């Protein structure tokens, strides 16, 4: 590229840098526009949370399917979400790979009346999107179709869930795809490190600590999938949300006509959520790689759903590392000390079992030990002194400003309200939620940090860097190799 071509972008960058500098807090040459923005009086968010029984109808079909329905006269699509309590936590005696494989084959393995090729062709011809999602708690299917194809879309959706063929050909193709993903996993820190941490803390005695291995995938059979489908993907274990432009009564009738005769076969296999041993493993695990960057994951056991400190913990996490460039970890590790390319934290409070607190870091290998120490220091600082009113106000503003986006569509609203039922929370739990966050004080944050952060008991995983980095990581004790997850089998 010539100098002439470089000059214009360079000038643009210089101008932008100057403008950003002028807009920076405390800069003496504040622009008139920035001062006007600060003077704006923005009224507080005054928005009513949709309610079950008003904007949303909840009903239960005779066969056990729980329906959440809403009508949107302006909608151009039919949106359906079907979910089953069939995540890893509820299938303690089932191999880790079976649920995900079953969900994929329900979507792509054909039906009793349509081969997998014909099913795929019809979905493509009509522009019907069917996606599968699996997690620790739920196994879900989402369908979107144009309004004019509503009848056929519901026919196909009902056929897939009630009469899956589990064609062996797509099963073999799926197994090949998963085996290739597992083969590449050791080179994917973002995917490998969370598995390693969960395996260490939950252990393989708990479903959350067990993961599919190549041996699991190779041994899968069609019979495994059929047995799983009968035990989990069934009407007495299903919650369904649907939105269309049709009136609610009409939409309910259409769904009942297609799903009302579906009956369960055999016992429901959903097991109670197993208890989790509250254990801490203050060890370092290191895997040397010939790269100059280290991927680091630090974590320890967290909290269970419904705890009294939920609101304080969520705000605490935003202040620590969960609020992007406004968090302490980013300010310290990235901005001030240049210790990390990326750093962030998470502290889930609504998991059905015990969650994990985690901090993720991307850094140059020679800076890895100092970056880890800085994270610990910031955790201790939260415990030692109250957060500033400005920090807490910023975290509360973030939650307030993002709250309405949880209701970004009618289907998102239904799913959120339905999740309250699935989590055992009151149907009106969202009303007053922002008030409960606003009531949190700096003292509450400090108390939550002292009780729920354990900087001296972190499990630390470091992937990448020269072999000599191992000695520099021994400040927390012996350094171990990564546990064997069976990926080479």
Protein backbone atom coordinates (compact mmCIF):
# COMPACT_ATOMS: atom_id res chain seq x y z
CA UNK A 1 0.00 0.00 0.00
CA UNK A 2 1.39 3.47 -0.92
CA UNK A 3 1.98 6.36 1.47
CA UNK A 4 -0.81 8.32 -0.19
CA UNK A 5 -3.29 5.57 0.59
CA UNK A 6 -2.12 5.36 4.20
CA UNK A 7 -2.29 9.08 4.86
CA UNK A 8 -6.10 9.48 4.97
CA UNK A 9 -6.79 6.65 7.48
CA UNK A 10 -3.88 7.89 9.59
CA UNK A 11 -5.30 11.41 9.69
CA UNK A 12 -8.71 10.03 10.64
CA UNK A 13 -7.16 8.10 13.53
CA UNK A 14 -5.33 11.21 14.75
CA UNK A 15 -8.51 13.30 14.65
CA UNK A 16 -10.49 10.62 16.49
CA UNK A 17 -7.76 10.35 19.13
CA UNK A 18 -7.82 14.11 19.67
CA UNK A 19 -11.59 14.16 19.96
CA UNK A 20 -11.62 11.25 22.40
CA UNK A 21 -8.96 13.00 24.46
CA UNK A 22 -11.07 16.15 24.57
CA UNK A 23 -14.05 14.16 25.72
CA UNK A 24 -12.14 12.33 28.46
CA UNK A 25 -13.25 13.09 32.02
CA UNK A 26 -11.16 15.82 33.58
CA UNK A 27 -9.78 17.15 30.29
CA UNK A 28 -9.79 20.92 30.36
CA UNK A 29 -10.91 21.28 26.73
CA UNK A 30 -14.33 19.70 27.13
CA UNK A 31 -16.49 20.00 24.04
CA UNK A 32 -19.79 21.91 24.32
CA UNK A 33 -21.58 18.75 23.19
CA UNK A 34 -20.19 16.64 26.01
CA UNK A 35 -21.24 19.26 28.56
CA UNK A 36 -24.76 19.32 27.11
CA UNK A 37 -24.99 15.53 27.40
CA UNK A 38 -24.00 15.68 31.09
CA UNK A 39 -26.69 18.29 31.71
CA UNK A 40 -29.46 16.14 30.21
CA UNK A 41 -32.11 15.04 32.69
CA UNK A 42 -33.11 11.54 31.62
CA UNK A 43 -36.24 10.26 33.37
CA UNK A 44 -36.01 6.85 35.05
CA UNK A 45 -37.13 3.76 33.20
CA UNK A 46 -40.90 3.46 33.62
CA UNK A 47 -41.85 0.20 32.03
CA UNK A 48 -44.31 -2.48 33.04
CA UNK A 49 -43.10 -6.07 33.16
CA UNK A 50 -45.38 -8.40 31.13
CA UNK A 51 -47.38 -10.72 33.37
CA UNK A 52 -48.73 -14.23 33.13
CA UNK A 53 -52.50 -13.99 33.02
CA UNK A 54 -52.45 -10.60 31.29
CA UNK A 55 -50.20 -10.22 28.24
CA UNK A 56 -49.26 -13.92 28.45
CA UNK A 57 -51.47 -16.97 28.87
CA UNK A 58 -50.31 -20.07 30.67
CA UNK A 59 -52.21 -23.32 30.27
CA UNK A 60 -51.56 -27.03 30.67
CA UNK A 61 -52.73 -29.64 28.16
CA UNK A 62 -54.23 -32.88 29.50
CA UNK A 63 -51.06 -34.80 28.57
CA UNK A 64 -48.91 -32.48 30.70
CA UNK A 65 -47.46 -30.00 28.19
CA UNK A 66 -47.21 -26.55 29.78
CA UNK A 67 -48.03 -23.79 27.26
CA UNK A 68 -47.02 -20.14 27.39
CA UNK A 69 -48.82 -18.29 24.59
CA UNK A 70 -48.96 -14.74 23.29
CA UNK A 71 -50.42 -13.01 20.26
CA UNK A 72 -48.73 -10.31 18.22
CA UNK A 73 -50.96 -8.89 15.44
CA UNK A 74 -47.91 -7.31 13.78
CA UNK A 75 -45.90 -10.55 13.70
CA UNK A 76 -44.77 -11.89 10.34
CA UNK A 77 -43.54 -15.20 11.78
CA UNK A 78 -44.55 -18.06 14.00
CA UNK A 79 -42.02 -18.53 16.79
CA UNK A 80 -42.03 -21.67 18.93
CA UNK A 81 -39.73 -22.76 21.75
CA UNK A 82 -40.01 -26.23 23.23
CA UNK A 83 -37.87 -27.23 26.20
CA UNK A 84 -37.44 -30.36 28.31
CA UNK A 85 -35.87 -30.89 31.71
CA UNK A 86 -33.20 -33.10 30.19
CA UNK A 87 -29.86 -31.39 30.82
CA UNK A 88 -26.81 -33.07 32.30
CA UNK A 89 -27.94 -32.46 35.88
CA UNK A 90 -31.06 -34.58 35.47
CA UNK A 91 -29.56 -37.65 33.85
CA UNK A 92 -27.03 -38.90 36.36
CA UNK A 93 -26.98 -42.46 35.04
CA UNK A 94 -26.89 -41.56 31.35
CA UNK A 95 -23.65 -41.13 29.38
CA UNK A 96 -22.76 -37.47 28.71
CA UNK A 97 -23.08 -37.77 24.94
CA UNK A 98 -26.53 -39.32 24.66
CA UNK A 99 -28.71 -36.26 25.29
CA UNK A 100 -26.95 -34.00 22.82
CA UNK A 101 -26.91 -36.76 20.20
CA UNK A 102 -30.61 -37.44 20.67
CA UNK A 103 -31.48 -33.77 20.26
CA UNK A 104 -29.47 -33.55 17.05
CA UNK A 105 -31.10 -36.65 15.57
CA UNK A 106 -34.61 -35.49 16.52
CA UNK A 107 -33.85 -32.41 14.40
CA UNK A 108 -31.92 -34.05 11.57
CA UNK A 109 -32.66 -37.77 11.63
CA UNK A 110 -35.98 -37.78 9.78
CA UNK A 111 -39.40 -38.88 10.99
CA UNK A 112 -41.59 -41.95 10.58
CA UNK A 113 -43.19 -40.32 7.52
CA UNK A 114 -40.28 -38.28 6.13
CA UNK A 115 -36.74 -39.41 5.41
CA UNK A 116 -34.03 -37.15 6.74
CA UNK A 117 -33.36 -35.95 3.17
CA UNK A 118 -37.02 -35.06 2.57
CA UNK A 119 -37.35 -33.38 5.95
CA UNK A 120 -34.29 -31.23 5.33
CA UNK A 121 -35.50 -30.35 1.84
CA UNK A 122 -38.94 -29.27 3.06
CA UNK A 123 -37.58 -27.17 5.88
CA UNK A 124 -35.28 -25.44 3.41
CA UNK A 125 -38.00 -24.96 0.78
CA UNK A 126 -40.34 -23.29 3.27
CA UNK A 127 -37.59 -21.34 5.03
CA UNK A 128 -38.35 -22.97 8.40
CA UNK A 129 -35.50 -22.71 10.89
CA UNK A 130 -35.25 -25.38 13.60
CA UNK A 131 -32.38 -25.09 16.08
CA UNK A 132 -31.32 -27.34 18.96
CA UNK A 133 -29.83 -26.20 22.25
CA UNK A 134 -28.55 -28.24 25.18
CA UNK A 135 -27.30 -27.17 28.59
CA UNK A 136 -26.83 -28.20 32.17
CA UNK A 137 -30.55 -28.07 32.88
CA UNK A 138 -32.58 -28.04 29.68
CA UNK A 139 -32.68 -29.52 26.19
CA UNK A 140 -34.50 -27.19 23.80
CA UNK A 141 -35.81 -26.78 20.25
CA UNK A 142 -36.55 -23.42 18.63
CA UNK A 143 -38.58 -23.07 15.42
CA UNK A 144 -39.22 -19.97 13.33
CA UNK A 145 -41.40 -19.93 10.22
CA UNK A 146 -43.15 -17.34 8.09
CA UNK A 147 -46.72 -16.74 9.15
CA UNK A 148 -48.10 -18.14 5.88
CA UNK A 149 -46.39 -21.48 6.59
CA UNK A 150 -47.67 -21.78 10.17
CA UNK A 151 -49.79 -24.89 9.62
CA UNK A 152 -47.09 -26.86 7.87
CA UNK A 153 -44.42 -25.68 10.32
CA UNK A 154 -46.43 -26.94 13.29
CA UNK A 155 -47.03 -30.23 11.47
CA UNK A 156 -43.30 -30.73 10.94
CA UNK A 157 -42.36 -29.64 14.45
CA UNK A 158 -44.86 -32.04 16.00
CA UNK A 159 -43.74 -34.85 13.70
CA UNK A 160 -40.07 -34.39 14.63
CA UNK A 161 -40.69 -34.43 18.37
CA UNK A 162 -43.27 -37.23 18.44
CA UNK A 163 -42.10 -39.57 15.67
CA UNK A 164 -38.33 -39.27 15.22
CA UNK A 165 -36.81 -41.93 12.96
CA UNK A 166 -33.22 -41.68 14.25
CA UNK A 167 -31.89 -42.71 10.84
CA UNK A 168 -28.50 -44.45 11.25
CA UNK A 169 -26.95 -42.49 8.36
CA UNK A 170 -27.24 -39.03 9.98
CA UNK A 171 -26.16 -40.60 13.28
CA UNK A 172 -22.92 -41.79 11.72
CA UNK A 173 -22.31 -38.39 10.15
CA UNK A 174 -22.98 -36.69 13.48
CA UNK A 175 -20.60 -39.00 15.32
CA UNK A 176 -17.89 -38.15 12.79
CA UNK A 177 -18.43 -34.41 13.34
CA UNK A 178 -18.25 -34.73 17.12
CA UNK A 179 -15.15 -36.92 17.00
CA UNK A 180 -13.43 -34.29 14.89
CA UNK A 181 -14.41 -31.55 17.36
CA UNK A 182 -13.04 -33.62 20.24
CA UNK A 183 -9.83 -34.23 18.29
CA UNK A 184 -9.33 -30.47 17.98
CA UNK A 185 -10.38 -29.65 21.54
CA UNK A 186 -6.87 -29.83 23.07
CA UNK A 187 -5.93 -26.88 20.85
CA UNK A 188 -8.97 -24.78 21.83
CA UNK A 189 -8.33 -23.13 25.24
CA UNK A 190 -11.71 -21.38 25.34
CA UNK A 191 -13.47 -24.76 25.19
CA UNK A 192 -10.94 -26.95 26.98
CA UNK A 193 -10.26 -24.89 30.12
CA UNK A 194 -13.90 -24.73 31.34
CA UNK A 195 -14.14 -28.51 30.95
CA UNK A 196 -10.93 -29.01 32.90
CA UNK A 197 -12.06 -26.69 35.71
CA UNK A 198 -15.48 -28.36 35.97
CA UNK A 199 -13.88 -31.81 36.01
CA UNK A 200 -11.49 -30.80 38.80
CA UNK A 201 -14.08 -29.14 41.03
CA UNK A 202 -17.18 -31.26 40.44
CA UNK A 203 -15.18 -34.47 39.80
CA UNK A 204 -16.50 -37.27 37.62
CA UNK A 205 -18.83 -38.32 40.46
CA UNK A 206 -21.14 -35.46 39.48
CA UNK A 207 -22.81 -34.98 36.05
CA UNK A 208 -21.43 -31.43 35.77
CA UNK A 209 -17.91 -32.84 35.90
CA UNK A 210 -18.38 -35.52 33.25
CA UNK A 211 -17.91 -34.91 29.53
CA UNK A 212 -18.21 -36.95 26.38
CA UNK A 213 -15.09 -38.78 25.24
CA UNK A 214 -14.32 -40.25 21.82
CA UNK A 215 -15.08 -43.68 23.28
CA UNK A 216 -18.55 -42.47 24.36
CA UNK A 217 -19.29 -41.16 20.88
CA UNK A 218 -18.09 -44.27 19.05
CA UNK A 219 -20.23 -46.55 21.22
CA UNK A 220 -23.49 -44.63 20.61
CA UNK A 221 -26.28 -46.68 19.06
CA UNK A 222 -29.72 -45.89 17.71
CA UNK A 223 -31.19 -47.81 20.64
CA UNK A 224 -29.48 -45.43 23.07
CA UNK A 225 -31.19 -42.47 21.41
CA UNK A 226 -34.62 -44.10 21.32
CA UNK A 227 -34.40 -44.95 25.03
CA UNK A 228 -33.36 -41.40 25.86
CA UNK A 229 -36.16 -39.90 23.74
CA UNK A 230 -38.75 -42.05 25.53
CA UNK A 231 -37.42 -41.12 28.95
CA UNK A 232 -36.97 -37.36 28.48
CA UNK A 233 -38.48 -35.91 25.28
CA UNK A 234 -42.10 -36.46 26.17
CA UNK A 235 -45.25 -34.41 26.92
CA UNK A 236 -45.15 -34.77 30.71
CA UNK A 237 -41.68 -33.16 30.67
CA UNK A 238 -42.31 -30.39 28.13
CA UNK A 239 -42.77 -26.63 28.34
CA UNK A 240 -43.69 -24.82 25.14
CA UNK A 241 -43.79 -21.12 24.29
CA UNK A 242 -45.40 -19.89 21.08
CA UNK A 243 -46.11 -16.51 19.48
CA UNK A 244 -47.98 -15.76 16.27
CA UNK A 245 -50.29 -13.14 14.84
CA UNK A 246 -53.27 -15.44 15.44
CA UNK A 247 -55.39 -14.90 18.57
CA UNK A 248 -54.23 -16.89 21.58
CA UNK A 249 -57.30 -19.12 21.58
CA UNK A 250 -56.71 -20.06 17.94
CA UNK A 251 -52.99 -20.70 18.50
CA UNK A 252 -53.78 -22.90 21.48
CA UNK A 253 -56.25 -24.91 19.42
CA UNK A 254 -53.69 -25.44 16.64
CA UNK A 255 -51.07 -26.66 19.10
CA UNK A 256 -53.49 -28.90 20.97
CA UNK A 257 -54.65 -30.49 17.71
CA UNK A 258 -51.08 -31.53 16.91
CA UNK A 259 -49.69 -32.28 20.37
CA UNK A 260 -52.75 -33.16 22.43
CA UNK A 261 -52.71 -36.88 21.58
CA UNK A 262 -49.01 -37.30 22.30
CA UNK A 263 -48.61 -39.71 25.22
CA UNK A 264 -45.59 -40.71 27.27
CA UNK A 265 -44.07 -44.16 26.96
CA UNK A 266 -42.51 -45.74 30.04
CA UNK A 267 -41.20 -43.98 33.14
CA UNK A 268 -39.95 -40.41 33.19
CA UNK A 269 -36.18 -40.61 33.74
CA UNK A 270 -35.62 -37.14 35.21
CA UNK A 271 -33.53 -37.60 38.34
CA UNK A 272 -33.25 -35.18 41.27
CA UNK A 273 -30.44 -32.67 40.98
CA UNK A 274 -27.52 -34.36 42.74
CA UNK A 275 -25.87 -32.56 45.61
CA UNK A 276 -22.46 -30.99 45.12
CA UNK A 277 -19.65 -31.26 47.62
CA UNK A 278 -18.47 -27.74 48.50
CA UNK A 279 -14.80 -28.39 47.84
CA UNK A 280 -11.86 -26.10 47.07
CA UNK A 281 -8.75 -27.12 45.15
CA UNK A 282 -6.12 -24.36 45.59
CA UNK A 283 -3.77 -25.90 43.01
CA UNK A 284 -2.18 -24.82 39.75
CA UNK A 285 -2.49 -26.87 36.57
CA UNK A 286 -0.16 -26.05 33.67
CA UNK A 287 0.10 -27.26 30.10
CA UNK A 288 3.10 -25.98 28.18
CA UNK A 289 2.56 -24.99 24.56
CA UNK A 290 5.08 -23.42 22.13
CA UNK A 291 3.18 -20.11 22.00
CA UNK A 292 3.90 -16.70 23.51
CA UNK A 293 0.37 -16.27 24.88
CA UNK A 294 -1.15 -18.02 27.89
CA UNK A 295 -4.84 -18.70 28.38
CA UNK A 296 -5.71 -18.69 32.07
CA UNK A 297 -8.84 -19.74 33.94
CA UNK A 298 -9.20 -19.24 37.68
CA UNK A 299 -12.20 -20.45 39.64
CA UNK A 300 -13.78 -21.91 42.72
CA UNK A 301 -17.15 -23.25 43.85
CA UNK A 302 -19.97 -20.71 43.78
CA UNK A 303 -23.56 -20.56 45.03
CA UNK A 304 -26.82 -22.36 44.48
CA UNK A 305 -30.04 -20.92 43.08
CA UNK A 306 -32.17 -18.75 45.31
CA UNK A 307 -29.52 -17.69 47.78
CA UNK A 308 -30.15 -14.53 49.82
CA UNK A 309 -27.04 -12.79 48.44
CA UNK A 310 -27.98 -13.14 44.78
CA UNK A 311 -28.38 -9.43 44.05
CA UNK A 312 -25.23 -8.41 45.91
CA UNK A 313 -23.19 -11.15 44.19
CA UNK A 314 -24.34 -10.10 40.71
CA UNK A 315 -23.44 -6.46 41.36
CA UNK A 316 -20.15 -7.49 42.98
CA UNK A 317 -19.24 -9.49 39.88
CA UNK A 318 -20.05 -6.57 37.58
CA UNK A 319 -17.71 -4.36 39.59
CA UNK A 320 -14.97 -6.98 39.71
CA UNK A 321 -14.87 -8.17 36.09
CA UNK A 322 -18.29 -8.69 34.60
CA UNK A 323 -18.98 -5.23 33.21
CA UNK A 324 -16.45 -5.02 30.40
CA UNK A 325 -14.26 -1.93 30.34
CA UNK A 326 -15.98 -0.51 33.43
CA UNK A 327 -14.76 -3.32 35.69
CA UNK A 328 -11.84 -3.28 38.11
CA UNK A 329 -10.05 -6.20 36.50
CA UNK A 330 -10.04 -4.56 33.08
CA UNK A 331 -8.96 -1.22 34.54
CA UNK A 332 -6.13 -2.85 36.51
CA UNK A 333 -4.87 -5.65 34.26
CA UNK A 334 -5.47 -4.16 30.83
CA UNK A 335 -5.48 -0.38 31.16
CA UNK A 336 -3.08 0.39 34.02
CA UNK A 337 -0.58 -2.48 34.03
CA UNK A 338 -0.89 -3.92 30.50
CA UNK A 339 -1.00 -7.43 31.96
CA UNK A 340 -3.76 -8.86 29.78
CA UNK A 341 -5.30 -8.63 26.33
CA UNK A 342 -8.58 -9.78 27.81
CA UNK A 343 -9.90 -10.38 31.32
CA UNK A 344 -13.41 -10.94 32.63
CA UNK A 345 -15.30 -12.69 35.42
CA UNK A 346 -18.59 -14.51 35.86
CA UNK A 347 -20.51 -15.55 38.97
CA UNK A 348 -23.85 -17.27 38.09
CA UNK A 349 -26.55 -17.11 40.76
CA UNK A 350 -29.45 -18.96 39.11
CA UNK A 351 -27.93 -22.38 38.35
CA UNK A 352 -29.99 -25.35 39.59
CA UNK A 353 -26.88 -26.92 41.11
CA UNK A 354 -23.89 -25.14 42.58
CA UNK A 355 -22.31 -22.71 40.12
CA UNK A 356 -18.64 -21.90 39.55
CA UNK A 357 -17.05 -18.48 39.96
CA UNK A 358 -14.57 -17.97 37.11
CA UNK A 359 -12.06 -15.40 35.88
CA UNK A 360 -10.68 -15.71 32.35
CA UNK A 361 -7.41 -14.07 31.24
CA UNK A 362 -5.55 -13.85 27.93
CA UNK A 363 -2.00 -12.60 28.44
CA UNK A 364 1.61 -12.86 27.32
CA UNK A 365 3.16 -15.91 28.98
CA UNK A 366 5.83 -13.93 30.81
CA UNK A 367 3.10 -11.83 32.46
CA UNK A 368 0.92 -14.78 33.53
CA UNK A 369 2.12 -15.02 37.18
CA UNK A 370 1.71 -11.29 37.78
CA UNK A 371 -1.74 -11.29 36.13
CA UNK A 372 -2.88 -14.08 38.46
CA UNK A 373 -1.59 -12.22 41.49
CA UNK A 374 -3.38 -9.04 40.36
CA UNK A 375 -6.69 -10.90 40.15
CA UNK A 376 -6.23 -12.14 43.71
CA UNK A 377 -5.37 -8.66 44.91
CA UNK A 378 -8.54 -7.22 43.39
CA UNK A 379 -10.62 -9.96 45.02
CA UNK A 380 -9.02 -9.15 48.38
CA UNK A 381 -9.63 -5.44 47.85
CA UNK A 382 -13.36 -6.10 47.47
CA UNK A 383 -13.24 -7.89 50.82
CA UNK A 384 -11.09 -5.29 52.59
CA UNK A 385 -12.91 -2.07 51.71
CA UNK A 386 -16.37 -0.99 50.55
CA UNK A 387 -16.79 -0.18 46.88
CA UNK A 388 -17.28 3.47 46.01
CA UNK A 389 -20.82 4.83 45.56
CA UNK A 390 -19.91 5.70 41.95
CA UNK A 391 -18.84 2.12 41.16
CA UNK A 392 -21.99 0.68 42.68
CA UNK A 393 -24.17 3.23 40.88
CA UNK A 394 -22.51 2.33 37.57
CA UNK A 395 -23.17 -1.39 38.11
CA UNK A 396 -26.80 -0.68 39.01
CA UNK A 397 -27.19 1.53 35.93
CA UNK A 398 -25.84 -1.27 33.77
CA UNK A 399 -28.41 -3.73 35.12
CA UNK A 400 -31.20 -1.19 34.78
CA UNK A 401 -30.29 -0.29 31.21
CA UNK A 402 -30.08 -3.92 30.12
CA UNK A 403 -33.24 -5.07 31.90
CA UNK A 404 -35.66 -4.11 29.14
CA UNK A 405 -33.55 -5.96 26.56
CA UNK A 406 -34.46 -9.22 28.28
CA UNK A 407 -37.88 -8.63 26.72
CA UNK A 408 -36.55 -7.88 23.23
CA UNK A 409 -39.27 -9.94 21.52
CA UNK A 410 -42.54 -11.63 22.42
CA UNK A 411 -40.83 -15.03 22.37
CA UNK A 412 -38.01 -13.77 24.59
CA UNK A 413 -40.66 -12.53 27.02
CA UNK A 414 -42.41 -15.90 27.08
CA UNK A 415 -39.14 -17.74 27.58
CA UNK A 416 -38.15 -15.47 30.44
CA UNK A 417 -41.48 -15.85 32.21
CA UNK A 418 -41.42 -19.60 31.60
CA UNK A 419 -37.93 -19.78 33.08
CA UNK A 420 -39.32 -18.51 36.39
CA UNK A 421 -41.50 -21.59 36.61
CA UNK A 422 -38.65 -23.89 35.62
CA UNK A 423 -36.45 -22.36 38.30
CA UNK A 424 -39.15 -22.56 40.97
CA UNK A 425 -39.41 -18.77 41.29
CA UNK A 426 -42.71 -16.87 41.71
CA UNK A 427 -44.41 -15.73 38.50
CA UNK A 428 -44.17 -12.12 39.70
CA UNK A 429 -40.48 -12.39 40.60
CA UNK A 430 -39.47 -9.89 37.91
CA UNK A 431 -41.68 -7.20 39.40
CA UNK A 432 -39.61 -5.20 41.83
CA UNK A 433 -36.40 -6.92 40.69
CA UNK A 434 -34.73 -3.62 39.86
CA UNK A 435 -35.78 -2.25 43.26
CA UNK A 436 -34.06 -5.19 44.95
CA UNK A 437 -30.86 -4.44 43.07
CA UNK A 438 -31.14 -0.73 43.87
CA UNK A 439 -31.40 -1.57 47.57
CA UNK A 440 -27.94 -3.19 47.63
CA UNK A 441 -25.40 -1.10 49.58
CA UNK A 442 -21.57 -0.98 49.55
CA UNK A 443 -21.66 -2.87 52.86
CA UNK A 444 -23.72 -5.62 51.18
CA UNK A 445 -21.12 -5.90 48.42
CA UNK A 446 -18.29 -6.16 50.93
CA UNK A 447 -20.15 -8.79 52.96
CA UNK A 448 -20.87 -10.82 49.80
CA UNK A 449 -17.21 -10.60 48.77
CA UNK A 450 -16.04 -11.81 52.17
CA UNK A 451 -18.46 -14.73 52.13
CA UNK A 452 -18.46 -15.78 48.48
CA UNK A 453 -15.01 -14.90 47.13
CA UNK A 454 -12.06 -17.14 48.04
CA UNK A 455 -8.88 -15.66 46.55
CA UNK A 456 -6.63 -18.09 48.42
CA UNK A 457 -8.59 -21.15 47.28
CA UNK A 458 -8.63 -20.59 43.53
CA UNK A 459 -8.05 -23.45 41.14
CA UNK A 460 -5.74 -22.05 38.46
CA UNK A 461 -5.33 -23.44 34.95
CA UNK A 462 -2.69 -22.05 32.61
CA UNK A 463 -2.47 -23.23 29.00
CA UNK A 464 0.39 -22.04 26.82
CA UNK A 465 3.91 -20.87 27.42
CA UNK A 466 7.41 -22.37 27.70
CA UNK A 467 8.20 -25.24 30.12
CA UNK A 468 10.15 -22.90 32.41
CA UNK A 469 6.92 -21.03 33.18
CA UNK A 470 6.05 -23.94 35.48
CA UNK A 471 8.52 -22.81 38.15
CA UNK A 472 7.16 -19.24 38.13
CA UNK A 473 3.65 -20.60 38.78
CA UNK A 474 4.62 -22.38 42.01
CA UNK A 475 3.68 -19.43 44.23
CA UNK A 476 0.44 -21.28 45.09
CA UNK A 477 1.98 -24.69 45.63
CA UNK A 478 2.86 -27.65 43.41
CA UNK A 479 2.04 -27.34 39.71
CA UNK A 480 0.22 -30.29 38.17
CA UNK A 481 -0.39 -31.39 34.57
CA UNK A 482 -3.94 -31.09 33.27
CA UNK A 483 -6.21 -34.01 34.27
CA UNK A 484 -6.90 -36.66 31.65
CA UNK A 485 -10.34 -36.11 30.15
CA UNK A 486 -10.11 -39.20 27.96
CA UNK A 487 -9.80 -37.19 24.75
CA UNK A 488 -7.13 -39.52 23.36
CA UNK A 489 -9.28 -42.65 23.64
